[in-house]
Amino acid sequence: MSDDLARLQQELRTFARERDWERYHTPRNLAALISSEAGELLALFRWDQNSVVERPKEVRQEIADVFLGVLRMADLAGIDLVEAADEKLKLNAEKYPPEANSGPDSTPPGFPRRI
């Protein structure tokens, strides 16, 4: 894991410990936190597709909230996020090879097909 991620995880541990919040940092509660913060990020785009340009501070803060929740959960689960992300990228590359997933009629998984 990178030094920056390790430092952030240590700061999150200290933050939780100093406030006696460790007891609330269960996998379920952290999953709910991540989902809630992702919902707040999505809400910024509800009526404005360009929120990254129009409201960069709010978008930045919500992305940070999601990231910190994921980082805390990974720490408690003993998951190296860089290693896990590398593995997932490799799996996605195998699952969605460029030759079968590119071109004008291609859509990412979960997106409706163009008519």
PDB file of N, CA and C in Angstrom:
ATOM      1  N   MET A   1       0.849  -1.181   0.000  1.00  0.00           N
ATOM      2  CA  MET A   1       0.000   0.000   0.000  1.00  0.00           C
ATOM      3  C   MET A   1       0.890   1.237   0.000  1.00  0.00           C
ATOM      4  N   SER A   2       0.417   2.278  -0.645  1.00  0.00           N
ATOM      5  CA  SER A   2       1.224   3.494  -0.720  1.00  0.00           C
ATOM      6  C   SER A   2       1.325   4.156   0.650  1.00  0.00           C
ATOM      7  N   ASP A   3       2.359   4.950   0.805  1.00  0.00           N
ATOM      8  CA  ASP A   3       2.567   5.662   2.066  1.00  0.00           C
ATOM      9  C   ASP A   3       1.411   6.609   2.362  1.00  0.00           C
ATOM     10  N   ASP A   4       0.884   7.255   1.314  1.00  0.00           N
ATOM     11  CA  ASP A   4      -0.222   8.191   1.520  1.00  0.00           C
ATOM     12  C   ASP A   4      -1.476   7.482   2.022  1.00  0.00           C
ATOM     13  N   LEU A   5      -1.792   6.319   1.449  1.00  0.00           N
ATOM     14  CA  LEU A   5      -2.968   5.577   1.908  1.00  0.00           C
ATOM     15  C   LEU A   5      -2.771   5.083   3.337  1.00  0.00           C
ATOM     16  N   ALA A   6      -1.588   4.597   3.638  1.00  0.00           N
ATOM     17  CA  ALA A   6      -1.296   4.130   5.000  1.00  0.00           C
ATOM     18  C   ALA A   6      -1.414   5.278   5.998  1.00  0.00           C
ATOM     19  N   ARG A   7      -0.930   6.452   5.622  1.00  0.00           N
ATOM     20  CA  ARG A   7      -1.027   7.628   6.502  1.00  0.00           C
ATOM     21  C   ARG A   7      -2.485   8.001   6.734  1.00  0.00           C
ATOM     22  N   LEU A   8      -3.275   8.010   5.654  1.00  0.00           N
ATOM     23  CA  LEU A   8      -4.693   8.344   5.794  1.00  0.00           C
ATOM     24  C   LEU A   8      -5.419   7.328   6.671  1.00  0.00           C
ATOM     25  N   GLN A   9      -5.108   6.051   6.498  1.00  0.00           N
ATOM     26  CA  GLN A   9      -5.746   5.033   7.337  1.00  0.00           C
ATOM     27  C   GLN A   9      -5.397   5.248   8.804  1.00  0.00           C
ATOM     28  N   GLN A  10      -4.149   5.580   9.085  1.00  0.00           N
ATOM     29  CA  GLN A  10      -3.752   5.841  10.472  1.00  0.00           C
ATOM     30  C   GLN A  10      -4.487   7.064  11.014  1.00  0.00           C
ATOM     31  N   GLU A  11      -4.626   8.095  10.210  1.00  0.00           N
ATOM     32  CA  GLU A  11      -5.353   9.288  10.649  1.00  0.00           C
ATOM     33  C   GLU A  11      -6.819   8.966  10.912  1.00  0.00           C
ATOM     34  N   LEU A  12      -7.420   8.112  10.083  1.00  0.00           N
ATOM     35  CA  LEU A  12      -8.812   7.705  10.307  1.00  0.00           C
ATOM     36  C   LEU A  12      -8.950   6.898  11.595  1.00  0.00           C
ATOM     37  N   ARG A  13      -7.997   6.004  11.854  1.00  0.00           N
ATOM     38  CA  ARG A  13      -8.012   5.229  13.102  1.00  0.00           C
ATOM     39  C   ARG A  13      -7.963   6.170  14.308  1.00  0.00           C
ATOM     40  N   THR A  14      -7.043   7.125  14.253  1.00  0.00           N
ATOM     41  CA  THR A  14      -6.889   8.085  15.345  1.00  0.00           C
ATOM     42  C   THR A  14      -8.149   8.925  15.506  1.00  0.00           C
ATOM     43  N   PHE A  15      -8.692   9.399  14.402  1.00  0.00           N
ATOM     44  CA  PHE A  15      -9.913  10.207  14.417  1.00  0.00           C
ATOM     45  C   PHE A  15     -11.043   9.447  15.115  1.00  0.00           C
ATOM     46  N   ALA A  16     -11.238   8.182  14.737  1.00  0.00           N
ATOM     47  CA  ALA A  16     -12.308   7.371  15.330  1.00  0.00           C
ATOM     48  C   ALA A  16     -12.039   7.091  16.808  1.00  0.00           C
ATOM     49  N   ARG A  17     -10.803   6.754  17.133  1.00  0.00           N
ATOM     50  CA  ARG A  17     -10.447   6.424  18.515  1.00  0.00           C
ATOM     51  C   ARG A  17     -10.637   7.633  19.433  1.00  0.00           C
ATOM     52  N   GLU A  18     -10.200   8.820  18.995  1.00  0.00           N
ATOM     53  CA  GLU A  18     -10.305  10.029  19.821  1.00  0.00           C
ATOM     54  C   GLU A  18     -11.752  10.408  20.116  1.00  0.00           C
ATOM     55  N   ARG A  19     -12.669   9.991  19.285  1.00  0.00           N
ATOM     56  CA  ARG A  19     -14.082  10.316  19.461  1.00  0.00           C
ATOM     57  C   ARG A  19     -14.890   9.136  20.003  1.00  0.00           C
ATOM     58  N   ASP A  20     -14.206   8.035  20.271  1.00  0.00           N
ATOM     59  CA  ASP A  20     -14.842   6.797  20.721  1.00  0.00           C
ATOM     60  C   ASP A  20     -15.887   6.321  19.701  1.00  0.00           C
ATOM     61  N   TRP A  21     -15.544   6.430  18.426  1.00  0.00           N
ATOM     62  CA  TRP A  21     -16.449   6.017  17.347  1.00  0.00           C
ATOM     63  C   TRP A  21     -16.108   4.636  16.799  1.00  0.00           C
ATOM     64  N   GLU A  22     -15.035   4.034  17.283  1.00  0.00           N
ATOM     65  CA  GLU A  22     -14.635   2.728  16.740  1.00  0.00           C
ATOM     66  C   GLU A  22     -15.765   1.713  16.836  1.00  0.00           C
ATOM     67  N   ARG A  23     -16.553   1.781  17.915  1.00  0.00           N
ATOM     68  CA  ARG A  23     -17.647   0.822  18.103  1.00  0.00           C
ATOM     69  C   ARG A  23     -18.725   0.962  17.033  1.00  0.00           C
ATOM     70  N   TYR A  24     -18.798   2.120  16.394  1.00  0.00           N
ATOM     71  CA  TYR A  24     -19.791   2.336  15.342  1.00  0.00           C
ATOM     72  C   TYR A  24     -19.277   1.946  13.960  1.00  0.00           C
ATOM     73  N   HIS A  25     -17.996   1.726  13.853  1.00  0.00           N
ATOM     74  CA  HIS A  25     -17.398   1.418  12.552  1.00  0.00           C
ATOM     75  C   HIS A  25     -17.456  -0.083  12.270  1.00  0.00           C
ATOM     76  N   THR A  26     -18.676  -0.570  12.128  1.00  0.00           N
ATOM     77  CA  THR A  26     -18.907  -1.965  11.759  1.00  0.00           C
ATOM     78  C   THR A  26     -19.000  -2.046  10.239  1.00  0.00           C
ATOM     79  N   PRO A  27     -18.794  -3.224   9.669  1.00  0.00           N
ATOM     80  CA  PRO A  27     -18.925  -3.335   8.209  1.00  0.00           C
ATOM     81  C   PRO A  27     -20.274  -2.828   7.701  1.00  0.00           C
ATOM     82  N   ARG A  28     -21.353  -3.181   8.390  1.00  0.00           N
ATOM     83  CA  ARG A  28     -22.677  -2.741   7.949  1.00  0.00           C
ATOM     84  C   ARG A  28     -22.810  -1.217   8.015  1.00  0.00           C
ATOM     85  N   ASN A  29     -22.380  -0.633   9.120  1.00  0.00           N
ATOM     86  CA  ASN A  29     -22.482   0.820   9.265  1.00  0.00           C
ATOM     87  C   ASN A  29     -21.613   1.548   8.244  1.00  0.00           C
ATOM     88  N   LEU A  30     -20.434   1.027   7.993  1.00  0.00           N
ATOM     89  CA  LEU A  30     -19.558   1.664   7.004  1.00  0.00           C
ATOM     90  C   LEU A  30     -20.116   1.505   5.593  1.00  0.00           C
ATOM     91  N   ALA A  31     -20.718   0.356   5.291  1.00  0.00           N
ATOM     92  CA  ALA A  31     -21.358   0.180   3.982  1.00  0.00           C
ATOM     93  C   ALA A  31     -22.501   1.181   3.823  1.00  0.00           C
ATOM     94  N   ALA A  32     -23.273   1.387   4.890  1.00  0.00           N
ATOM     95  CA  ALA A  32     -24.361   2.365   4.849  1.00  0.00           C
ATOM     96  C   ALA A  32     -23.811   3.778   4.666  1.00  0.00           C
ATOM     97  N   LEU A  33     -22.725   4.089   5.361  1.00  0.00           N
ATOM     98  CA  LEU A  33     -22.088   5.396   5.223  1.00  0.00           C
ATOM     99  C   LEU A  33     -21.634   5.634   3.786  1.00  0.00           C
ATOM    100  N   ILE A  34     -20.968   4.644   3.215  1.00  0.00           N
ATOM    101  CA  ILE A  34     -20.472   4.768   1.836  1.00  0.00           C
ATOM    102  C   ILE A  34     -21.636   4.989   0.883  1.00  0.00           C
ATOM    103  N   SER A  35     -22.696   4.209   1.054  1.00  0.00           N
ATOM    104  CA  SER A  35     -23.873   4.342   0.195  1.00  0.00           C
ATOM    105  C   SER A  35     -24.517   5.718   0.345  1.00  0.00           C
ATOM    106  N   SER A  36     -24.628   6.179   1.573  1.00  0.00           N
ATOM    107  CA  SER A  36     -25.221   7.485   1.842  1.00  0.00           C
ATOM    108  C   SER A  36     -24.399   8.608   1.218  1.00  0.00           C
ATOM    109  N   GLU A  37     -23.093   8.536   1.389  1.00  0.00           N
ATOM    110  CA  GLU A  37     -22.227   9.571   0.818  1.00  0.00           C
ATOM    111  C   GLU A  37     -22.237   9.520  -0.710  1.00  0.00           C
ATOM    112  N   ALA A  38     -22.299   8.316  -1.285  1.00  0.00           N
ATOM    113  CA  ALA A  38     -22.405   8.200  -2.744  1.00  0.00           C
ATOM    114  C   ALA A  38     -23.724   8.800  -3.219  1.00  0.00           C
ATOM    115  N   GLY A  39     -24.781   8.635  -2.427  1.00  0.00           N
ATOM    116  CA  GLY A  39     -26.066   9.250  -2.753  1.00  0.00           C
ATOM    117  C   GLY A  39     -25.992  10.764  -2.732  1.00  0.00           C
ATOM    118  N   GLU A  40     -25.246  11.307  -1.780  1.00  0.00           N
ATOM    119  CA  GLU A  40     -25.065  12.761  -1.731  1.00  0.00           C
ATOM    120  C   GLU A  40     -24.292  13.251  -2.953  1.00  0.00           C
ATOM    121  N   LEU A  41     -23.321  12.476  -3.392  1.00  0.00           N
ATOM    122  CA  LEU A  41     -22.583  12.819  -4.610  1.00  0.00           C
ATOM    123  C   LEU A  41     -23.519  12.795  -5.813  1.00  0.00           C
ATOM    124  N   LEU A  42     -24.307  11.743  -5.924  1.00  0.00           N
ATOM    125  CA  LEU A  42     -25.254  11.631  -7.033  1.00  0.00           C
ATOM    126  C   LEU A  42     -26.259  12.780  -7.031  1.00  0.00           C
ATOM    127  N   ALA A  43     -26.698  13.184  -5.850  1.00  0.00           N
ATOM    128  CA  ALA A  43     -27.676  14.267  -5.744  1.00  0.00           C
ATOM    129  C   ALA A  43     -27.153  15.572  -6.344  1.00  0.00           C
ATOM    130  N   LEU A  44     -25.849  15.768  -6.323  1.00  0.00           N
ATOM    131  CA  LEU A  44     -25.279  16.979  -6.925  1.00  0.00           C
ATOM    132  C   LEU A  44     -25.520  17.029  -8.433  1.00  0.00           C
ATOM    133  N   PHE A  45     -25.738  15.866  -9.040  1.00  0.00           N
ATOM    134  CA  PHE A  45     -25.929  15.788 -10.492  1.00  0.00           C
ATOM    135  C   PHE A  45     -27.394  15.627 -10.884  1.00  0.00           C
ATOM    136  N   ARG A  46     -28.281  15.656  -9.906  1.00  0.00           N
ATOM    137  CA  ARG A  46     -29.694  15.399 -10.189  1.00  0.00           C
ATOM    138  C   ARG A  46     -30.243  16.319 -11.271  1.00  0.00           C
ATOM    139  N   TRP A  47     -30.008  17.582 -11.157  1.00  0.00           N
ATOM    140  CA  TRP A  47     -30.555  18.529 -12.130  1.00  0.00           C
ATOM    141  C   TRP A  47     -29.477  19.204 -12.956  1.00  0.00           C
ATOM    142  N   ASP A  48     -28.241  18.913 -12.651  1.00  0.00           N
ATOM    143  CA  ASP A  48     -27.143  19.588 -13.338  1.00  0.00           C
ATOM    144  C   ASP A  48     -26.077  18.573 -13.724  1.00  0.00           C
ATOM    145  N   GLN A  49     -26.000  18.261 -15.001  1.00  0.00           N
ATOM    146  CA  GLN A  49     -25.029  17.283 -15.484  1.00  0.00           C
ATOM    147  C   GLN A  49     -23.588  17.787 -15.381  1.00  0.00           C
ATOM    148  N   ASN A  50     -23.414  19.083 -15.179  1.00  0.00           N
ATOM    149  CA  ASN A  50     -22.073  19.674 -15.146  1.00  0.00           C
ATOM    150  C   ASN A  50     -21.650  20.100 -13.746  1.00  0.00           C
ATOM    151  N   SER A  51     -22.101  19.390 -12.737  1.00  0.00           N
ATOM    152  CA  SER A  51     -21.783  19.788 -11.362  1.00  0.00           C
ATOM    153  C   SER A  51     -20.294  19.823 -11.076  1.00  0.00           C
ATOM    154  N   VAL A  52     -19.511  19.007 -11.774  1.00  0.00           N
ATOM    155  CA  VAL A  52     -18.064  19.026 -11.545  1.00  0.00           C
ATOM    156  C   VAL A  52     -17.515  20.404 -11.880  1.00  0.00           C
ATOM    157  N   VAL A  53     -18.075  21.028 -12.896  1.00  0.00           N
ATOM    158  CA  VAL A  53     -17.638  22.364 -13.303  1.00  0.00           C
ATOM    159  C   VAL A  53     -18.319  23.428 -12.450  1.00  0.00           C
ATOM    160  N   GLU A  54     -19.621  23.269 -12.227  1.00  0.00           N
ATOM    161  CA  GLU A  54     -20.405  24.292 -11.539  1.00  0.00           C
ATOM    162  C   GLU A  54     -20.232  24.277 -10.017  1.00  0.00           C
ATOM    163  N   ARG A  55     -20.000  23.096  -9.446  1.00  0.00           N
ATOM    164  CA  ARG A  55     -19.918  22.972  -7.990  1.00  0.00           C
ATOM    165  C   ARG A  55     -18.723  22.099  -7.594  1.00  0.00           C
ATOM    166  N   PRO A  56     -17.535  22.492  -8.007  1.00  0.00           N
ATOM    167  CA  PRO A  56     -16.371  21.626  -7.780  1.00  0.00           C
ATOM    168  C   PRO A  56     -16.076  21.363  -6.306  1.00  0.00           C
ATOM    169  N   LYS A  57     -16.301  22.340  -5.445  1.00  0.00           N
ATOM    170  CA  LYS A  57     -16.007  22.156  -4.020  1.00  0.00           C
ATOM    171  C   LYS A  57     -16.893  21.068  -3.419  1.00  0.00           C
ATOM    172  N   GLU A  58     -18.204  21.120  -3.721  1.00  0.00           N
ATOM    173  CA  GLU A  58     -19.130  20.133  -3.179  1.00  0.00           C
ATOM    174  C   GLU A  58     -18.835  18.741  -3.724  1.00  0.00           C
ATOM    175  N   VAL A  59     -18.536  18.648  -5.026  1.00  0.00           N
ATOM    176  CA  VAL A  59     -18.210  17.355  -5.636  1.00  0.00           C
ATOM    177  C   VAL A  59     -16.950  16.792  -4.987  1.00  0.00           C
ATOM    178  N   ARG A  60     -15.961  17.625  -4.813  1.00  0.00           N
ATOM    179  CA  ARG A  60     -14.696  17.196  -4.188  1.00  0.00           C
ATOM    180  C   ARG A  60     -14.937  16.658  -2.780  1.00  0.00           C
ATOM    181  N   GLN A  61     -15.759  17.370  -1.996  1.00  0.00           N
ATOM    182  CA  GLN A  61     -16.025  16.950  -0.621  1.00  0.00           C
ATOM    183  C   GLN A  61     -16.779  15.622  -0.569  1.00  0.00           C
ATOM    184  N   GLU A  62     -17.759  15.438  -1.446  1.00  0.00           N
ATOM    185  CA  GLU A  62     -18.520  14.184  -1.442  1.00  0.00           C
ATOM    186  C   GLU A  62     -17.663  13.013  -1.913  1.00  0.00           C
ATOM    187  N   ILE A  63     -16.825  13.246  -2.907  1.00  0.00           N
ATOM    188  CA  ILE A  63     -15.906  12.185  -3.345  1.00  0.00           C
ATOM    189  C   ILE A  63     -14.971  11.812  -2.194  1.00  0.00           C
ATOM    190  N   ALA A  64     -14.495  12.803  -1.468  1.00  0.00           N
ATOM    191  CA  ALA A  64     -13.621  12.531  -0.321  1.00  0.00           C
ATOM    192  C   ALA A  64     -14.359  11.740   0.756  1.00  0.00           C
ATOM    193  N   ASP A  65     -15.627  12.064   1.003  1.00  0.00           N
ATOM    194  CA  ASP A  65     -16.408  11.314   1.989  1.00  0.00           C
ATOM    195  C   ASP A  65     -16.532   9.842   1.598  1.00  0.00           C
ATOM    196  N   VAL A  66     -16.834   9.583   0.325  1.00  0.00           N
ATOM    197  CA  VAL A  66     -16.940   8.202  -0.160  1.00  0.00           C
ATOM    198  C   VAL A  66     -15.589   7.502  -0.002  1.00  0.00           C
ATOM    199  N   PHE A  67     -14.537   8.163  -0.436  1.00  0.00           N
ATOM    200  CA  PHE A  67     -13.194   7.596  -0.374  1.00  0.00           C
ATOM    201  C   PHE A  67     -12.790   7.254   1.058  1.00  0.00           C
ATOM    202  N   LEU A  68     -13.039   8.168   1.989  1.00  0.00           N
ATOM    203  CA  LEU A  68     -12.666   7.920   3.382  1.00  0.00           C
ATOM    204  C   LEU A  68     -13.459   6.759   3.975  1.00  0.00           C
ATOM    205  N   GLY A  69     -14.729   6.646   3.607  1.00  0.00           N
ATOM    206  CA  GLY A  69     -15.524   5.511   4.070  1.00  0.00           C
ATOM    207  C   GLY A  69     -14.986   4.198   3.537  1.00  0.00           C
ATOM    208  N   VAL A  70     -14.645   4.172   2.259  1.00  0.00           N
ATOM    209  CA  VAL A  70     -14.069   2.966   1.650  1.00  0.00           C
ATOM    210  C   VAL A  70     -12.721   2.649   2.292  1.00  0.00           C
ATOM    211  N   LEU A  71     -11.919   3.658   2.505  1.00  0.00           N
ATOM    212  CA  LEU A  71     -10.603   3.459   3.105  1.00  0.00           C
ATOM    213  C   LEU A  71     -10.719   2.883   4.518  1.00  0.00           C
ATOM    214  N   ARG A  72     -11.659   3.392   5.293  1.00  0.00           N
ATOM    215  CA  ARG A  72     -11.861   2.894   6.665  1.00  0.00           C
ATOM    216  C   ARG A  72     -12.343   1.447   6.635  1.00  0.00           C
ATOM    217  N   MET A  73     -13.286   1.139   5.751  1.00  0.00           N
ATOM    218  CA  MET A  73     -13.796  -0.224   5.666  1.00  0.00           C
ATOM    219  C   MET A  73     -12.694  -1.191   5.230  1.00  0.00           C
ATOM    220  N   ALA A  74     -11.900  -0.791   4.261  1.00  0.00           N
ATOM    221  CA  ALA A  74     -10.791  -1.632   3.800  1.00  0.00           C
ATOM    222  C   ALA A  74      -9.802  -1.874   4.932  1.00  0.00           C
ATOM    223  N   ASP A  75      -9.540  -0.856   5.719  1.00  0.00           N
ATOM    224  CA  ASP A  75      -8.623  -0.998   6.847  1.00  0.00           C
ATOM    225  C   ASP A  75      -9.148  -2.038   7.833  1.00  0.00           C
ATOM    226  N   LEU A  76     -10.413  -1.936   8.187  1.00  0.00           N
ATOM    227  CA  LEU A  76     -10.991  -2.876   9.148  1.00  0.00           C
ATOM    228  C   LEU A  76     -11.051  -4.297   8.589  1.00  0.00           C
ATOM    229  N   ALA A  77     -11.196  -4.418   7.272  1.00  0.00           N
ATOM    230  CA  ALA A  77     -11.278  -5.737   6.630  1.00  0.00           C
ATOM    231  C   ALA A  77      -9.905  -6.291   6.259  1.00  0.00           C
ATOM    232  N   GLY A  78      -8.861  -5.490   6.453  1.00  0.00           N
ATOM    233  CA  GLY A  78      -7.516  -5.943   6.113  1.00  0.00           C
ATOM    234  C   GLY A  78      -7.275  -6.033   4.615  1.00  0.00           C
ATOM    235  N   ILE A  79      -7.937  -5.171   3.865  1.00  0.00           N
ATOM    236  CA  ILE A  79      -7.814  -5.175   2.402  1.00  0.00           C
ATOM    237  C   ILE A  79      -6.841  -4.092   1.966  1.00  0.00           C
ATOM    238  N   ASP A  80      -5.860  -4.467   1.180  1.00  0.00           N
ATOM    239  CA  ASP A  80      -4.945  -3.514   0.557  1.00  0.00           C
ATOM    240  C   ASP A  80      -5.660  -2.980  -0.681  1.00  0.00           C
ATOM    241  N   LEU A  81      -6.078  -1.729  -0.635  1.00  0.00           N
ATOM    242  CA  LEU A  81      -6.886  -1.166  -1.720  1.00  0.00           C
ATOM    243  C   LEU A  81      -6.158  -1.116  -3.053  1.00  0.00           C
ATOM    244  N   VAL A  82      -4.886  -0.806  -3.043  1.00  0.00           N
ATOM    245  CA  VAL A  82      -4.135  -0.743  -4.300  1.00  0.00           C
ATOM    246  C   VAL A  82      -4.063  -2.135  -4.923  1.00  0.00           C
ATOM    247  N   GLU A  83      -3.767  -3.122  -4.108  1.00  0.00           N
ATOM    248  CA  GLU A  83      -3.706  -4.501  -4.597  1.00  0.00           C
ATOM    249  C   GLU A  83      -5.075  -4.963  -5.103  1.00  0.00           C
ATOM    250  N   ALA A  84      -6.128  -4.668  -4.346  1.00  0.00           N
ATOM    251  CA  ALA A  84      -7.482  -5.064  -4.745  1.00  0.00           C
ATOM    252  C   ALA A  84      -7.895  -4.378  -6.044  1.00  0.00           C
ATOM    253  N   ALA A  85      -7.563  -3.093  -6.183  1.00  0.00           N
ATOM    254  CA  ALA A  85      -7.905  -2.364  -7.406  1.00  0.00           C
ATOM    255  C   ALA A  85      -7.138  -2.909  -8.602  1.00  0.00           C
ATOM    256  N   ASP A  86      -5.868  -3.226  -8.406  1.00  0.00           N
ATOM    257  CA  ASP A  86      -5.082  -3.838  -9.490  1.00  0.00           C
ATOM    258  C   ASP A  86      -5.716  -5.149  -9.942  1.00  0.00           C
ATOM    259  N   GLU A  87      -6.093  -5.991  -8.978  1.00  0.00           N
ATOM    260  CA  GLU A  87      -6.726  -7.272  -9.302  1.00  0.00           C
ATOM    261  C   GLU A  87      -8.037  -7.067 -10.056  1.00  0.00           C
ATOM    262  N   LYS A  88      -8.838  -6.109  -9.599  1.00  0.00           N
ATOM    263  CA  LYS A  88     -10.140  -5.862 -10.222  1.00  0.00           C
ATOM    264  C   LYS A  88      -9.980  -5.328 -11.643  1.00  0.00           C
ATOM    265  N   LEU A  89      -9.008  -4.460 -11.859  1.00  0.00           N
ATOM    266  CA  LEU A  89      -8.757  -3.954 -13.213  1.00  0.00           C
ATOM    267  C   LEU A  89      -8.386  -5.088 -14.159  1.00  0.00           C
ATOM    268  N   LYS A  90      -7.581  -6.021 -13.687  1.00  0.00           N
ATOM    269  CA  LYS A  90      -7.208  -7.172 -14.517  1.00  0.00           C
ATOM    270  C   LYS A  90      -8.424  -8.034 -14.834  1.00  0.00           C
ATOM    271  N   LEU A  91      -9.264  -8.277 -13.835  1.00  0.00           N
ATOM    272  CA  LEU A  91     -10.487  -9.054 -14.062  1.00  0.00           C
ATOM    273  C   LEU A  91     -11.402  -8.361 -15.065  1.00  0.00           C
ATOM    274  N   ASN A  92     -11.558  -7.047 -14.924  1.00  0.00           N
ATOM    275  CA  ASN A  92     -12.406  -6.294 -15.856  1.00  0.00           C
ATOM    276  C   ASN A  92     -11.840  -6.317 -17.270  1.00  0.00           C
ATOM    277  N   ALA A  93     -10.517  -6.267 -17.392  1.00  0.00           N
ATOM    278  CA  ALA A  93      -9.889  -6.317 -18.717  1.00  0.00           C
ATOM    279  C   ALA A  93     -10.177  -7.658 -19.392  1.00  0.00           C
ATOM    280  N   GLU A  94     -10.182  -8.730 -18.611  1.00  0.00           N
ATOM    281  CA  GLU A  94     -10.499 -10.047 -19.165  1.00  0.00           C
ATOM    282  C   GLU A  94     -11.983 -10.161 -19.506  1.00  0.00           C
ATOM    283  N   LYS A  95     -12.818  -9.630 -18.640  1.00  0.00           N
ATOM    284  CA  LYS A  95     -14.268  -9.728 -18.819  1.00  0.00           C
ATOM    285  C   LYS A  95     -14.769  -8.857 -19.967  1.00  0.00           C
ATOM    286  N   TYR A  96     -14.138  -7.717 -20.172  1.00  0.00           N
ATOM    287  CA  TYR A  96     -14.561  -6.758 -21.197  1.00  0.00           C
ATOM    288  C   TYR A  96     -13.398  -6.436 -22.123  1.00  0.00           C
ATOM    289  N   PRO A  97     -12.997  -7.369 -22.977  1.00  0.00           N
ATOM    290  CA  PRO A  97     -11.874  -7.101 -23.883  1.00  0.00           C
ATOM    291  C   PRO A  97     -12.222  -5.979 -24.861  1.00  0.00           C
ATOM    292  N   PRO A  98     -11.249  -5.149 -25.233  1.00  0.00           N
ATOM    293  CA  PRO A  98     -11.513  -4.001 -26.102  1.00  0.00           C
ATOM    294  C   PRO A  98     -12.161  -4.386 -27.429  1.00  0.00           C
ATOM    295  N   GLU A  99     -11.718  -5.497 -28.005  1.00  0.00           N
ATOM    296  CA  GLU A  99     -12.249  -5.866 -29.319  1.00  0.00           C
ATOM    297  C   GLU A  99     -13.743  -6.192 -29.279  1.00  0.00           C
ATOM    298  N   ALA A 100     -14.267  -6.550 -28.115  1.00  0.00           N
ATOM    299  CA  ALA A 100     -15.692  -6.864 -28.002  1.00  0.00           C
ATOM    300  C   ALA A 100     -16.477  -5.746 -27.321  1.00  0.00           C
ATOM    301  N   ASN A 101     -15.788  -4.728 -26.863  1.00  0.00           N
ATOM    302  CA  ASN A 101     -16.448  -3.688 -26.071  1.00  0.00           C
ATOM    303  C   ASN A 101     -16.048  -2.286 -26.491  1.00  0.00           C
ATOM    304  N   SER A 102     -15.888  -2.067 -27.774  1.00  0.00           N
ATOM    305  CA  SER A 102     -15.573  -0.718 -28.240  1.00  0.00           C
ATOM    306  C   SER A 102     -16.304  -0.471 -29.548  1.00  0.00           C
ATOM    307  N   GLY A 103     -16.292   0.758 -29.962  1.00  0.00           N
ATOM    308  CA  GLY A 103     -16.964   1.132 -31.196  1.00  0.00           C
ATOM    309  C   GLY A 103     -18.198   1.965 -30.917  1.00  0.00           C
ATOM    310  N   PRO A 104     -18.805   2.487 -31.978  1.00  0.00           N
ATOM    311  CA  PRO A 104     -19.925   3.415 -31.814  1.00  0.00           C
ATOM    312  C   PRO A 104     -21.169   2.788 -31.183  1.00  0.00           C
ATOM    313  N   ASP A 105     -21.341   1.485 -31.287  1.00  0.00           N
ATOM    314  CA  ASP A 105     -22.527   0.840 -30.721  1.00  0.00           C
ATOM    315  C   ASP A 105     -22.271   0.199 -29.363  1.00  0.00           C
ATOM    316  N   SER A 106     -21.082   0.381 -28.842  1.00  0.00           N
ATOM    317  CA  SER A 106     -20.721  -0.223 -27.563  1.00  0.00           C
ATOM    318  C   SER A 106     -21.246   0.616 -26.405  1.00  0.00           C
ATOM    319  N   THR A 107     -21.697  -0.053 -25.355  1.00  0.00           N
ATOM    320  CA  THR A 107     -22.117   0.634 -24.133  1.00  0.00           C
ATOM    321  C   THR A 107     -21.498  -0.075 -22.937  1.00  0.00           C
ATOM    322  N   PRO A 108     -21.147   0.676 -21.898  1.00  0.00           N
ATOM    323  CA  PRO A 108     -20.600   0.054 -20.692  1.00  0.00           C
ATOM    324  C   PRO A 108     -21.653  -0.830 -20.020  1.00  0.00           C
ATOM    325  N   PRO A 109     -21.221  -1.805 -19.223  1.00  0.00           N
ATOM    326  CA  PRO A 109     -22.170  -2.655 -18.505  1.00  0.00           C
ATOM    327  C   PRO A 109     -23.110  -1.814 -17.648  1.00  0.00           C
ATOM    328  N   GLY A 110     -24.388  -2.127 -17.691  1.00  0.00           N
ATOM    329  CA  GLY A 110     -25.371  -1.406 -16.898  1.00  0.00           C
ATOM    330  C   GLY A 110     -26.009  -0.228 -17.603  1.00  0.00           C
ATOM    331  N   PHE A 111     -25.439   0.201 -18.719  1.00  0.00           N
ATOM    332  CA  PHE A 111     -26.015   1.297 -19.479  1.00  0.00           C
ATOM    333  C   PHE A 111     -26.984   0.727 -20.503  1.00  0.00           C
ATOM    334  N   PRO A 112     -28.089   1.430 -20.758  1.00  0.00           N
ATOM    335  CA  PRO A 112     -29.019   0.922 -21.777  1.00  0.00           C
ATOM    336  C   PRO A 112     -28.387   0.988 -23.161  1.00  0.00           C
ATOM    337  N   ARG A 113     -28.728   0.029 -23.966  1.00  0.00           N
ATOM    338  CA  ARG A 113     -28.243   0.010 -25.351  1.00  0.00           C
ATOM    339  C   ARG A 113     -28.885   1.141 -26.135  1.00  0.00           C
ATOM    340  N   ARG A 114     -28.106   1.731 -27.015  1.00  0.00           N
ATOM    341  CA  ARG A 114     -28.648   2.783 -27.885  1.00  0.00           C
ATOM    342  C   ARG A 114     -29.524   2.151 -28.950  1.00  0.00           C
ATOM    343  N   ILE A 115     -30.570   2.856 -29.280  1.00  0.00           N
ATOM    344  CA  ILE A 115     -31.490   2.361 -30.321  1.00  0.00           C
ATOM    345  C   ILE A 115     -31.231   3.078 -31.617  1.00  0.00           C
TER     346      ILE A 115
END
